[in-house]
């Protein structure tokens, strides 16, 4: 079948995968330039490499070469690994059930009413996606959850304060999710929360749960401080692939998810995506389509549209999975590539997002292809004069959008699951995880490290170091007058640090009177002037 044949011809002649047992379908007839026979011949070597790489991952080889560790998330949902995961889920579920039913009380002999999920990256995106997939955006209204659920991710003093003001801290628990405890955002949120507890003469240990790796600094800290529970994940489980571990289990237990079904869905998708027969392996097909688009047309963005409000966080979740895994400049052997790799993910919910960007996708620059996700069954429906029902109207928008893409010769693929369920969400996550791994194998990169993210963390640490030096200098001398360049010279810092120093001085000017921002500088007089393209600062203890 030629890549130039019509959509209908391709639709009728093999450009689809269907799984009879679950009702899952991958329709790739809309990948208009994808010539299956040509790709099978051209990419023989890449296919063999991808399959071999996948076998190495699941065999327990240390494929994360830059960090010298194994990658275990696939093995946590097969055989003995799956049984261990299900046992851990039962342990977590039982422990959380005691909190939810009031059998575990706070130091005031009261039950808990609120729980905060404190984590960032995979520790935040996965739990939030699965919660919204089950209960929708308004999960604290009408879902009859025993405890209201809240999320903290960013280090944002204003949003933190807004949340704290709404809660009765006496009856609140914080679930802190971090492999080592060293994640600055998560650690900072926990520190601020525990300081508020201590100020109210409450015991932080009675209000904290930890998810971390065994014997990590955070594990030891949590034990020392008597935290309510400590649940472990493996060091070999990467953050962006950790939703099937304790990282996803603890929030799922509070949310009342049938998480065992999620794990079984992941396990089932793993089975069908281990197949060496291309036409029976939907993950390998998807990986080859993405690779082919890039070979033929250059790097493109992938727009992920979920045709259900339950998929509101889907694109956000897969944004991290694809971009943190595939955005690399070095090969597995540490050599710098001539061209870096990557796949930009955008998206949201159809049809809402169509009104935001589909005009450009349909008729504007050809810089993207579309990745649809939808469900065949719906649990309810409402009359709609135009379409017959609300559900039929949504189907019309989905099929109409596909037709418009076909007419404008824009590529798309479509994933269709039978219904919204924990099992099918597990299938979806496992499918995309394997697509990413196959692409990593084809491109000869390590999809399991994130050196760019680490570089940003180290730069932030350096900024904090300089910030403390600036404040210490001002407190010691009682004043400062001059530019950021002048301050850099006084501190003996490189000229390259001037932009950061200016940001620090501006922050002092704007925020020195904010309680807790700059202890010791609250009474200082601080001002700035813009002259000759630079800021001049005047800071003094008047």
Protein backbone atom coordinates (compact mmCIF):
# COMPACT_ATOMS: atom_id res chain seq x y z
CA UNK A 1 0.00 0.00 0.00
CA UNK A 2 1.49 3.32 -1.10
CA UNK A 3 1.81 6.27 1.23
CA UNK A 4 0.03 8.37 -1.43
CA UNK A 5 -3.19 6.32 -1.54
CA UNK A 6 -6.44 7.80 -0.24
CA UNK A 7 -7.42 7.75 3.40
CA UNK A 8 -10.35 5.43 2.69
CA UNK A 9 -8.18 2.99 0.76
CA UNK A 10 -5.69 2.90 3.60
CA UNK A 11 -8.52 2.62 6.14
CA UNK A 12 -9.87 -0.44 4.32
CA UNK A 13 -6.54 -2.09 3.58
CA UNK A 14 -4.59 -2.71 6.72
CA UNK A 15 -3.57 0.66 8.17
CA UNK A 16 -5.30 -0.18 11.45
CA UNK A 17 -4.60 -2.35 14.48
CA UNK A 18 -7.46 -3.75 16.56
CA UNK A 19 -7.34 -5.79 19.77
CA UNK A 20 -10.42 -8.02 20.06
CA UNK A 21 -10.09 -8.61 23.80
CA UNK A 22 -10.13 -4.96 24.91
CA UNK A 23 -11.63 -3.11 21.95
CA UNK A 24 -8.50 -0.95 21.59
CA UNK A 25 -7.79 0.34 18.09
CA UNK A 26 -4.90 2.21 16.52
CA UNK A 27 -5.99 3.84 13.27
CA UNK A 28 -3.00 5.14 11.31
CA UNK A 29 -4.66 5.51 7.91
CA UNK A 30 -4.45 9.26 8.54
CA UNK A 31 -0.63 9.17 8.45
CA UNK A 32 -0.90 10.06 4.79
CA UNK A 33 2.80 9.99 3.94
CA UNK A 34 3.49 6.73 5.80
CA UNK A 35 4.24 3.96 3.28
CA UNK A 36 4.25 0.78 5.34
CA UNK A 37 6.08 -1.42 2.85
CA UNK A 38 8.73 1.22 2.18
CA UNK A 39 9.34 1.80 5.90
CA UNK A 40 9.62 -1.92 6.60
CA UNK A 41 12.42 -2.15 4.04
CA UNK A 42 14.15 1.16 4.77
CA UNK A 43 14.08 0.87 8.57
CA UNK A 44 15.01 -2.81 8.99
CA UNK A 45 18.10 -1.93 11.01
CA UNK A 46 16.24 0.57 13.21
CA UNK A 47 13.47 -1.96 13.90
CA UNK A 48 15.98 -4.61 14.95
CA UNK A 49 17.81 -2.06 17.11
CA UNK A 50 14.58 -0.90 18.79
CA UNK A 51 13.47 -4.45 19.58
CA UNK A 52 16.92 -5.38 20.91
CA UNK A 53 17.04 -2.23 23.05
CA UNK A 54 13.63 -3.03 24.49
CA UNK A 55 14.83 -6.54 25.38
CA UNK A 56 17.85 -5.05 27.14
CA UNK A 57 15.60 -2.75 29.17
CA UNK A 58 13.40 -5.61 30.34
CA UNK A 59 16.31 -7.99 30.94
CA UNK A 60 17.63 -5.76 33.71
CA UNK A 61 20.65 -4.37 31.90
CA UNK A 62 21.84 -0.95 33.14
CA UNK A 63 20.48 0.85 30.07
CA UNK A 64 20.47 4.23 31.82
CA UNK A 65 24.18 4.43 31.11
CA UNK A 66 24.72 8.03 32.22
CA UNK A 67 23.37 7.25 35.69
CA UNK A 68 24.61 3.65 35.78
CA UNK A 69 21.29 2.10 36.69
CA UNK A 70 18.61 -0.27 35.46
CA UNK A 71 15.14 0.80 34.37
CA UNK A 72 12.42 -1.26 36.02
CA UNK A 73 8.99 0.21 35.31
CA UNK A 74 8.15 -2.44 32.66
CA UNK A 75 9.20 -5.22 35.05
CA UNK A 76 6.97 -3.87 37.83
CA UNK A 77 3.93 -5.05 35.89
CA UNK A 78 4.79 -8.54 34.69
CA UNK A 79 5.18 -11.86 36.49
CA UNK A 80 6.64 -11.58 39.99
CA UNK A 81 7.03 -7.81 39.55
CA UNK A 82 3.29 -7.40 38.95
CA UNK A 83 2.46 -9.55 41.98
CA UNK A 84 4.79 -7.41 44.09
CA UNK A 85 3.16 -4.24 42.75
CA UNK A 86 -0.31 -5.56 43.54
CA UNK A 87 0.82 -6.49 47.06
CA UNK A 88 2.22 -2.99 47.57
CA UNK A 89 -1.04 -1.50 46.31
CA UNK A 90 -2.97 -3.60 48.82
CA UNK A 91 -0.66 -2.47 51.64
CA UNK A 92 -1.05 1.19 50.69
CA UNK A 93 -4.78 0.87 50.13
CA UNK A 94 -5.28 -0.71 53.57
CA UNK A 95 -3.21 1.97 55.32
CA UNK A 96 -5.01 4.83 53.58
CA UNK A 97 -8.41 3.23 54.20
CA UNK A 98 -7.80 3.53 57.95
CA UNK A 99 -7.21 7.26 57.51
CA UNK A 100 -10.22 7.70 55.25
CA UNK A 101 -12.58 5.90 57.65
CA UNK A 102 -11.38 7.78 60.74
CA UNK A 103 -9.65 4.85 62.41
CA UNK A 104 -6.45 6.94 62.40
CA UNK A 105 -6.87 10.26 64.22
CA UNK A 106 -4.75 13.36 64.71
CA UNK A 107 -3.26 14.46 68.02
CA UNK A 108 -6.55 16.23 68.83
CA UNK A 109 -8.43 12.93 68.40
CA UNK A 110 -10.06 14.25 65.25
CA UNK A 111 -10.28 12.62 61.83
CA UNK A 112 -8.46 14.11 58.86
CA UNK A 113 -10.39 16.12 56.28
CA UNK A 114 -7.78 17.15 53.71
CA UNK A 115 -4.69 15.66 52.05
CA UNK A 116 -2.08 17.54 50.01
CA UNK A 117 -0.10 15.74 47.31
CA UNK A 118 3.32 17.42 47.33
CA UNK A 119 5.52 16.52 44.38
CA UNK A 120 6.72 17.81 41.02
CA UNK A 121 7.28 16.33 37.56
CA UNK A 122 6.26 12.68 37.45
CA UNK A 123 5.38 12.81 41.15
CA UNK A 124 2.66 15.33 40.28
CA UNK A 125 1.62 14.81 36.65
CA UNK A 126 0.81 11.09 36.87
CA UNK A 127 -1.28 11.22 40.05
CA UNK A 128 -3.16 14.29 38.81
CA UNK A 129 -3.88 12.71 35.41
CA UNK A 130 -5.27 9.50 36.90
CA UNK A 131 -7.36 11.37 39.48
CA UNK A 132 -8.97 13.63 36.87
CA UNK A 133 -9.47 10.68 34.54
CA UNK A 134 -11.56 9.05 37.28
CA UNK A 135 -13.39 11.97 38.89
CA UNK A 136 -13.04 14.94 36.52
CA UNK A 137 -11.76 18.42 37.26
CA UNK A 138 -14.20 18.99 40.12
CA UNK A 139 -13.06 15.94 42.07
CA UNK A 140 -13.60 17.65 45.44
CA UNK A 141 -17.24 18.42 44.61
CA UNK A 142 -19.84 15.72 44.42
CA UNK A 143 -17.44 12.75 44.27
CA UNK A 144 -17.89 12.02 47.99
CA UNK A 145 -14.19 11.62 48.64
CA UNK A 146 -13.59 11.07 52.38
CA UNK A 147 -10.74 13.62 52.30
CA UNK A 148 -10.51 16.59 49.97
CA UNK A 149 -7.44 16.28 47.74
CA UNK A 150 -5.10 19.15 46.86
CA UNK A 151 -1.89 19.34 44.83
CA UNK A 152 1.28 21.35 45.43
CA UNK A 153 3.93 21.29 42.74
CA UNK A 154 5.56 24.63 42.12
CA UNK A 155 7.49 26.68 44.67
CA UNK A 156 5.01 29.55 44.70
CA UNK A 157 4.52 31.39 47.98
CA UNK A 158 1.23 32.97 46.92
CA UNK A 159 -0.49 29.75 45.82
CA UNK A 160 0.90 27.98 48.90
CA UNK A 161 -0.57 30.68 51.13
CA UNK A 162 -3.91 30.58 49.31
CA UNK A 163 -4.15 26.85 49.95
CA UNK A 164 -3.05 27.02 53.58
CA UNK A 165 -5.65 29.69 54.36
CA UNK A 166 -8.41 27.35 53.17
CA UNK A 167 -7.34 24.39 55.29
CA UNK A 168 -7.60 23.42 58.91
CA UNK A 169 -4.00 22.29 59.37
CA UNK A 170 -4.96 20.32 62.46
CA UNK A 171 -6.87 17.97 60.15
CA UNK A 172 -4.56 18.02 57.12
CA UNK A 173 -2.00 15.50 55.85
CA UNK A 174 0.78 16.19 53.35
CA UNK A 175 1.98 13.35 51.10
CA UNK A 176 5.58 14.16 50.12
CA UNK A 177 6.76 12.35 46.98
CA UNK A 178 10.49 12.48 46.25
CA UNK A 179 13.05 9.75 45.50
CA UNK A 180 15.74 11.33 47.66
CA UNK A 181 14.02 14.26 49.35
CA UNK A 182 16.39 16.64 47.61
CA UNK A 183 13.89 18.03 45.08
CA UNK A 184 13.93 21.71 46.01
CA UNK A 185 10.28 22.46 45.28
CA UNK A 186 8.96 19.46 47.22
CA UNK A 187 11.35 19.95 50.14
CA UNK A 188 10.52 23.64 50.33
CA UNK A 189 6.76 23.03 50.41
CA UNK A 190 7.17 20.41 53.15
CA UNK A 191 9.40 22.70 55.20
CA UNK A 192 6.90 25.57 55.03
CA UNK A 193 4.00 23.23 55.89
CA UNK A 194 5.83 21.75 58.89
CA UNK A 195 6.83 25.19 60.15
CA UNK A 196 3.16 26.18 60.13
CA UNK A 197 2.31 22.99 62.03
CA UNK A 198 5.01 23.64 64.63
CA UNK A 199 3.79 27.22 65.07
CA UNK A 200 0.41 25.75 66.02
CA UNK A 201 2.12 23.31 68.40
CA UNK A 202 1.14 20.37 66.19
CA UNK A 203 3.40 17.38 65.59
CA UNK A 204 4.62 17.25 61.95
CA UNK A 205 4.97 13.48 62.21
CA UNK A 206 1.20 13.16 62.63
CA UNK A 207 0.59 15.09 59.42
CA UNK A 208 3.14 13.73 56.91
CA UNK A 209 3.38 10.67 54.67
CA UNK A 210 6.47 9.95 52.59
CA UNK A 211 6.96 8.21 49.23
CA UNK A 212 10.67 7.72 48.60
CA UNK A 213 13.39 5.13 47.92
CA UNK A 214 14.65 2.77 50.66
CA UNK A 215 17.49 4.18 52.79
CA UNK A 216 17.42 7.53 50.98
CA UNK A 217 18.13 10.67 53.04
CA UNK A 218 14.39 11.36 52.91
CA UNK A 219 13.60 7.86 54.16
CA UNK A 220 15.93 8.33 57.12
CA UNK A 221 14.57 11.82 57.83
CA UNK A 222 10.97 10.57 57.76
CA UNK A 223 11.76 7.73 60.15
CA UNK A 224 13.61 10.04 62.52
CA UNK A 225 10.66 12.44 62.61
CA UNK A 226 8.02 9.74 63.05
CA UNK A 227 6.04 10.32 59.84
CA UNK A 228 2.68 8.51 59.65
CA UNK A 229 3.72 6.20 56.82
CA UNK A 230 6.74 5.69 54.57
CA UNK A 231 6.05 3.91 51.28
CA UNK A 232 8.91 2.88 49.04
CA UNK A 233 9.55 3.02 45.32
CA UNK A 234 12.62 1.54 43.64
CA UNK A 235 15.66 3.61 42.78
CA UNK A 236 15.45 2.12 39.26
CA UNK A 237 11.98 3.64 38.69
CA UNK A 238 12.33 6.91 36.81
CA UNK A 239 10.16 9.84 37.86
CA UNK A 240 8.29 10.22 34.57
CA UNK A 241 7.55 6.47 34.48
CA UNK A 242 6.64 6.12 38.16
CA UNK A 243 2.85 6.42 38.05
CA UNK A 244 2.52 2.62 38.43
CA UNK A 245 4.62 2.65 41.60
CA UNK A 246 3.90 3.98 45.11
CA UNK A 247 4.08 7.45 43.51
CA UNK A 248 0.73 6.82 41.83
CA UNK A 249 -0.64 4.38 44.39
CA UNK A 250 -0.86 6.67 47.42
CA UNK A 251 -2.84 9.43 45.64
CA UNK A 252 -4.96 6.74 43.97
CA UNK A 253 -5.80 5.22 47.34
CA UNK A 254 -7.01 8.57 48.70
CA UNK A 255 -8.97 9.13 45.47
CA UNK A 256 -10.69 5.74 45.53
CA UNK A 257 -9.26 4.47 42.25
CA UNK A 258 -9.30 0.79 41.34
CA UNK A 259 -5.55 0.97 40.86
CA UNK A 260 -5.15 -2.78 40.49
CA UNK A 261 -7.03 -2.39 37.20
CA UNK A 262 -4.62 0.36 36.11
CA UNK A 263 -1.70 -2.01 36.74
CA UNK A 264 -3.42 -4.82 34.87
CA UNK A 265 -4.06 -2.46 31.95
CA UNK A 266 -0.38 -1.55 31.84
CA UNK A 267 0.54 -5.23 31.99
CA UNK A 268 -1.80 -6.17 29.17
CA UNK A 269 -0.53 -3.43 26.86
CA UNK A 270 3.03 -4.51 27.65
CA UNK A 271 2.18 -8.01 26.40
CA UNK A 272 0.90 -6.89 23.03
CA UNK A 273 3.69 -4.34 22.55
CA UNK A 274 6.40 -6.97 23.16
CA UNK A 275 5.46 -8.65 19.88
CA UNK A 276 8.17 -8.84 17.25
CA UNK A 277 5.59 -8.86 14.43
CA UNK A 278 5.31 -5.21 13.40
CA UNK A 279 1.69 -5.39 12.28
CA UNK A 280 0.65 -6.79 15.69
CA UNK A 281 2.65 -4.29 17.79
CA UNK A 282 0.90 -0.91 18.05
CA UNK A 283 3.78 0.77 19.93
CA UNK A 284 6.30 -0.16 17.25
CA UNK A 285 3.91 1.05 14.54
CA UNK A 286 3.50 4.41 16.31
CA UNK A 287 7.25 4.77 16.81
CA UNK A 288 7.90 4.06 13.12
CA UNK A 289 5.26 6.61 12.06
CA UNK A 290 6.84 9.32 14.23
CA UNK A 291 10.31 8.42 12.99
CA UNK A 292 9.11 8.42 9.37
CA UNK A 293 7.45 11.84 9.66
CA UNK A 294 10.71 13.30 11.00
CA UNK A 295 12.79 11.65 8.25
CA UNK A 296 10.48 12.89 5.50
CA UNK A 297 9.57 16.35 6.75
CA UNK A 298 12.00 17.28 9.52
CA UNK A 299 11.24 17.71 13.21
CA UNK A 300 7.55 18.19 13.91
CA UNK A 301 5.42 18.85 16.96
CA UNK A 302 2.95 16.22 18.14
CA UNK A 303 -0.45 17.56 19.17
CA UNK A 304 -2.29 15.21 21.54
CA UNK A 305 -6.04 15.76 21.68
CA UNK A 306 -8.19 13.75 24.08
CA UNK A 307 -11.88 13.67 23.15
CA UNK A 308 -13.12 13.42 26.74
CA UNK A 309 -12.80 15.87 29.60
CA UNK A 310 -11.41 12.96 31.60
CA UNK A 311 -8.26 13.30 29.46
CA UNK A 312 -7.71 16.93 30.46
CA UNK A 313 -4.23 16.25 31.89
CA UNK A 314 -3.19 13.68 29.28
CA UNK A 315 -1.15 16.01 27.06
CA UNK A 316 0.53 17.57 30.09
CA UNK A 317 1.56 14.12 31.34
CA UNK A 318 2.87 12.93 27.97
CA UNK A 319 4.65 16.22 27.45
CA UNK A 320 7.07 15.23 30.18
CA UNK A 321 7.30 11.60 29.04
CA UNK A 322 8.23 12.45 25.44
CA UNK A 323 10.18 15.67 25.83
CA UNK A 324 12.26 14.77 28.88
CA UNK A 325 12.98 11.33 27.41
CA UNK A 326 13.72 12.24 23.79
CA UNK A 327 15.15 15.77 23.95
CA UNK A 328 18.83 14.84 23.87
CA UNK A 329 22.03 16.09 22.27
CA UNK A 330 24.24 13.09 23.02
CA UNK A 331 24.26 9.45 21.91
CA UNK A 332 24.26 6.48 24.27
CA UNK A 333 28.04 6.50 23.97
CA UNK A 334 28.24 10.13 25.08
CA UNK A 335 29.04 11.63 21.69
CA UNK A 336 27.42 14.92 20.67
CA UNK A 337 25.02 14.33 17.77
CA UNK A 338 25.14 16.45 14.62
CA UNK A 339 21.45 17.12 15.18
CA UNK A 340 19.80 16.87 18.62
CA UNK A 341 16.71 14.70 18.97
CA UNK A 342 13.32 15.52 20.44
CA UNK A 343 9.57 15.64 19.98
CA UNK A 344 7.59 18.66 21.17
CA UNK A 345 4.20 17.76 22.67
CA UNK A 346 1.26 20.15 22.82
CA UNK A 347 -2.43 19.55 23.23
CA UNK A 348 -5.41 19.35 25.52
CA UNK A 349 -9.08 18.44 25.20
CA UNK A 350 -11.05 18.33 21.98
CA UNK A 351 -13.13 20.18 21.04
CA UNK A 352 -12.12 23.03 23.32
CA UNK A 353 -8.51 23.20 22.16
CA UNK A 354 -9.63 23.15 18.52
CA UNK A 355 -10.88 26.68 19.03
CA UNK A 356 -7.41 27.63 20.30
CA UNK A 357 -5.03 26.28 17.65
CA UNK A 358 -6.71 24.05 15.04
CA UNK A 359 -6.90 26.82 12.44
CA UNK A 360 -3.10 26.86 12.21
CA UNK A 361 -2.89 23.07 12.30
CA UNK A 362 -5.34 22.82 9.41
CA UNK A 363 -4.11 25.61 7.16
CA UNK A 364 -1.00 27.22 8.64
CA UNK A 365 2.62 26.17 8.77
CA UNK A 366 3.18 22.42 8.47
CA UNK A 367 5.04 21.93 11.74
CA UNK A 368 2.92 19.29 13.49
CA UNK A 369 0.87 16.13 13.30
CA UNK A 370 -2.12 15.16 15.46
CA UNK A 371 -2.46 12.27 17.91
CA UNK A 372 -6.16 11.69 18.78
CA UNK A 373 -7.33 9.70 21.83
CA UNK A 374 -11.00 8.85 22.35
CA UNK A 375 -13.41 6.31 23.85
CA UNK A 376 -16.05 4.26 22.02
CA UNK A 377 -18.54 3.92 24.89
CA UNK A 378 -20.04 6.64 27.04
CA UNK A 379 -21.89 6.12 30.32
CA UNK A 380 -24.49 8.85 29.76
CA UNK A 381 -25.89 11.14 27.07
CA UNK A 382 -28.22 14.11 26.62
CA UNK A 383 -30.52 15.17 23.81
CA UNK A 384 -29.06 17.59 21.28
CA UNK A 385 -31.26 18.98 18.50
CA UNK A 386 -28.47 19.44 15.98
CA UNK A 387 -26.75 16.08 16.35
CA UNK A 388 -29.32 13.89 18.07
CA UNK A 389 -27.36 13.76 21.30
CA UNK A 390 -24.45 15.48 23.03
CA UNK A 391 -22.25 12.40 22.62
CA UNK A 392 -23.04 12.17 18.90
CA UNK A 393 -22.13 15.85 18.54
CA UNK A 394 -18.70 15.17 20.09
CA UNK A 395 -18.23 12.26 17.66
CA UNK A 396 -19.17 14.56 14.79
CA UNK A 397 -16.55 17.09 15.86
CA UNK A 398 -13.91 14.35 16.13
CA UNK A 399 -14.69 12.84 12.73
CA UNK A 400 -15.13 16.28 11.17
CA UNK A 401 -11.72 17.34 12.41
CA UNK A 402 -10.17 14.20 10.93
CA UNK A 403 -11.87 14.90 7.61
CA UNK A 404 -10.59 18.47 7.57
CA UNK A 405 -7.05 17.21 8.27
CA UNK A 406 -7.37 14.75 5.37
CA UNK A 407 -8.55 17.50 3.01
CA UNK A 408 -5.61 19.71 4.04
CA UNK A 409 -3.17 16.79 3.71
CA UNK A 410 -2.19 16.94 7.39
CA UNK A 411 -1.08 13.73 9.15
CA UNK A 412 -2.80 12.20 12.17
CA UNK A 413 -3.13 8.95 14.08
CA UNK A 414 -6.02 7.90 16.28
CA UNK A 415 -6.12 5.80 19.45
CA UNK A 416 -9.57 4.52 20.39
CA UNK A 417 -10.23 2.74 23.70
CA UNK A 418 -13.51 1.00 24.45
CA UNK A 419 -14.41 3.09 27.52
CA UNK A 420 -13.01 5.37 30.20
CA UNK A 421 -11.60 3.11 32.93
CA UNK A 422 -8.52 2.61 35.07
CA UNK A 423 -7.63 -0.43 32.93
CA UNK A 424 -7.66 1.60 29.72
CA UNK A 425 -5.74 4.49 31.25
CA UNK A 426 -3.09 1.93 32.20
CA UNK A 427 -3.07 0.69 28.61
CA UNK A 428 -2.64 4.23 27.29
CA UNK A 429 0.29 5.02 29.61
CA UNK A 430 2.06 1.73 28.85
CA UNK A 431 1.62 2.19 25.10
CA UNK A 432 3.20 5.64 25.04
CA UNK A 433 6.01 4.56 27.40
CA UNK A 434 6.99 1.85 24.95
CA UNK A 435 6.76 4.21 21.96
CA UNK A 436 9.28 6.44 23.72
CA UNK A 437 11.59 3.52 24.48
CA UNK A 438 11.45 2.28 20.88
CA UNK A 439 12.30 5.78 19.60
CA UNK A 440 15.20 5.99 22.04
CA UNK A 441 16.52 2.71 20.65
CA UNK A 442 16.10 3.83 17.04
CA UNK A 443 17.84 7.15 17.66
CA UNK A 444 20.65 5.73 19.76
CA UNK A 445 19.95 7.96 22.77
CA UNK A 446 19.28 7.38 26.46
CA UNK A 447 15.56 8.06 27.02
CA UNK A 448 15.87 7.50 30.77
CA UNK A 449 18.12 10.34 31.93
CA UNK A 450 17.53 14.12 32.03
CA UNK A 451 20.87 15.95 32.14
CA UNK A 452 19.25 19.18 30.95
CA UNK A 453 16.91 19.20 33.94
CA UNK A 454 19.83 18.52 36.26
CA UNK A 455 21.75 21.41 34.69
CA UNK A 456 18.86 23.72 35.51
CA UNK A 457 18.82 22.52 39.12
CA UNK A 458 22.56 23.14 39.48
CA UNK A 459 22.18 26.65 38.03
CA UNK A 460 19.37 27.34 40.51
CA UNK A 461 21.61 26.17 43.35
CA UNK A 462 24.31 28.56 42.16
CA UNK A 463 21.79 31.41 42.03
CA UNK A 464 20.76 30.63 45.63
CA UNK A 465 24.41 30.71 46.68
CA UNK A 466 24.89 34.17 45.18
CA UNK A 467 21.58 35.40 46.59
CA UNK A 468 22.68 34.53 50.13
CA UNK A 469 26.02 36.26 49.51
CA UNK A 470 24.29 39.45 48.31
CA UNK A 471 22.00 39.55 51.36
CA UNK A 472 24.88 38.81 53.72
CA UNK A 473 26.94 41.59 52.14
CA UNK A 474 24.15 44.14 52.52
CA UNK A 475 23.42 43.13 56.12
CA UNK A 476 27.11 43.29 57.01
CA UNK A 477 27.78 46.73 55.48
CA UNK A 478 24.31 48.18 56.12
CA UNK A 479 24.03 49.59 52.63
CA UNK A 480 24.76 49.19 48.93
CA UNK A 481 24.82 51.70 46.09
CA UNK A 482 25.61 50.88 42.51
CA UNK A 483 24.80 48.45 39.72
CA UNK A 484 24.73 44.67 39.59
CA UNK A 485 28.18 44.83 38.02
CA UNK A 486 29.42 46.75 41.05
CA UNK A 487 27.96 44.12 43.36
CA UNK A 488 29.61 41.32 41.35
CA UNK A 489 32.99 43.03 41.80
CA UNK A 490 32.42 43.43 45.55
CA UNK A 491 31.54 39.74 45.83
CA UNK A 492 34.41 38.63 43.60
CA UNK A 493 31.98 36.89 41.25
CA UNK A 494 32.37 36.45 37.49
CA UNK A 495 30.92 39.04 35.14
CA UNK A 496 28.71 36.23 33.83
CA UNK A 497 26.77 36.37 37.11
CA UNK A 498 25.68 40.01 36.61
CA UNK A 499 22.21 39.18 35.17
CA UNK A 500 21.48 36.90 38.15
CA UNK A 501 22.74 39.52 40.62
CA UNK A 502 20.52 42.15 39.02
CA UNK A 503 17.51 39.81 39.36
CA UNK A 504 18.36 39.36 43.06
CA UNK A 505 18.69 43.11 43.68
CA UNK A 506 15.41 43.81 41.91
CA UNK A 507 13.75 41.11 44.00
CA UNK A 508 15.06 42.79 47.15
CA UNK A 509 13.69 46.17 46.05
CA UNK A 510 10.23 44.75 45.34
CA UNK A 511 9.91 42.18 48.13
CA UNK A 512 12.14 43.11 51.09
CA UNK A 513 9.11 44.15 53.15
CA UNK A 514 7.23 40.89 52.50
CA UNK A 515 7.26 38.83 55.70
CA UNK A 516 9.70 35.95 55.44
CA UNK A 517 11.24 37.02 52.13
CA UNK A 518 14.42 38.77 53.34
CA UNK A 519 14.84 38.47 57.11
CA UNK A 520 16.80 41.46 58.40
CA UNK A 521 16.07 43.69 55.41
CA UNK A 522 12.44 44.52 56.25
CA UNK A 523 13.32 47.98 57.60
CA UNK A 524 15.80 48.90 54.85
CA UNK A 525 15.05 51.60 52.33
CA UNK A 526 15.43 50.15 48.85
CA UNK A 527 15.09 51.81 45.47
CA UNK A 528 16.24 51.55 41.86
CA UNK A 529 16.75 53.88 38.90
CA UNK A 530 16.94 53.04 35.20
CA UNK A 531 19.67 54.98 33.46
CA UNK A 532 21.73 54.33 30.35
CA UNK A 533 20.25 50.84 29.92
CA UNK A 534 21.16 49.60 33.41
CA UNK A 535 19.64 49.69 36.87
CA UNK A 536 21.32 51.61 39.67
CA UNK A 537 20.38 50.50 43.18
CA UNK A 538 20.27 52.27 46.52
CA UNK A 539 19.80 50.04 49.57
CA UNK A 540 20.39 51.35 53.08
CA UNK A 541 19.46 50.70 56.69
CA UNK A 542 18.02 54.15 57.44
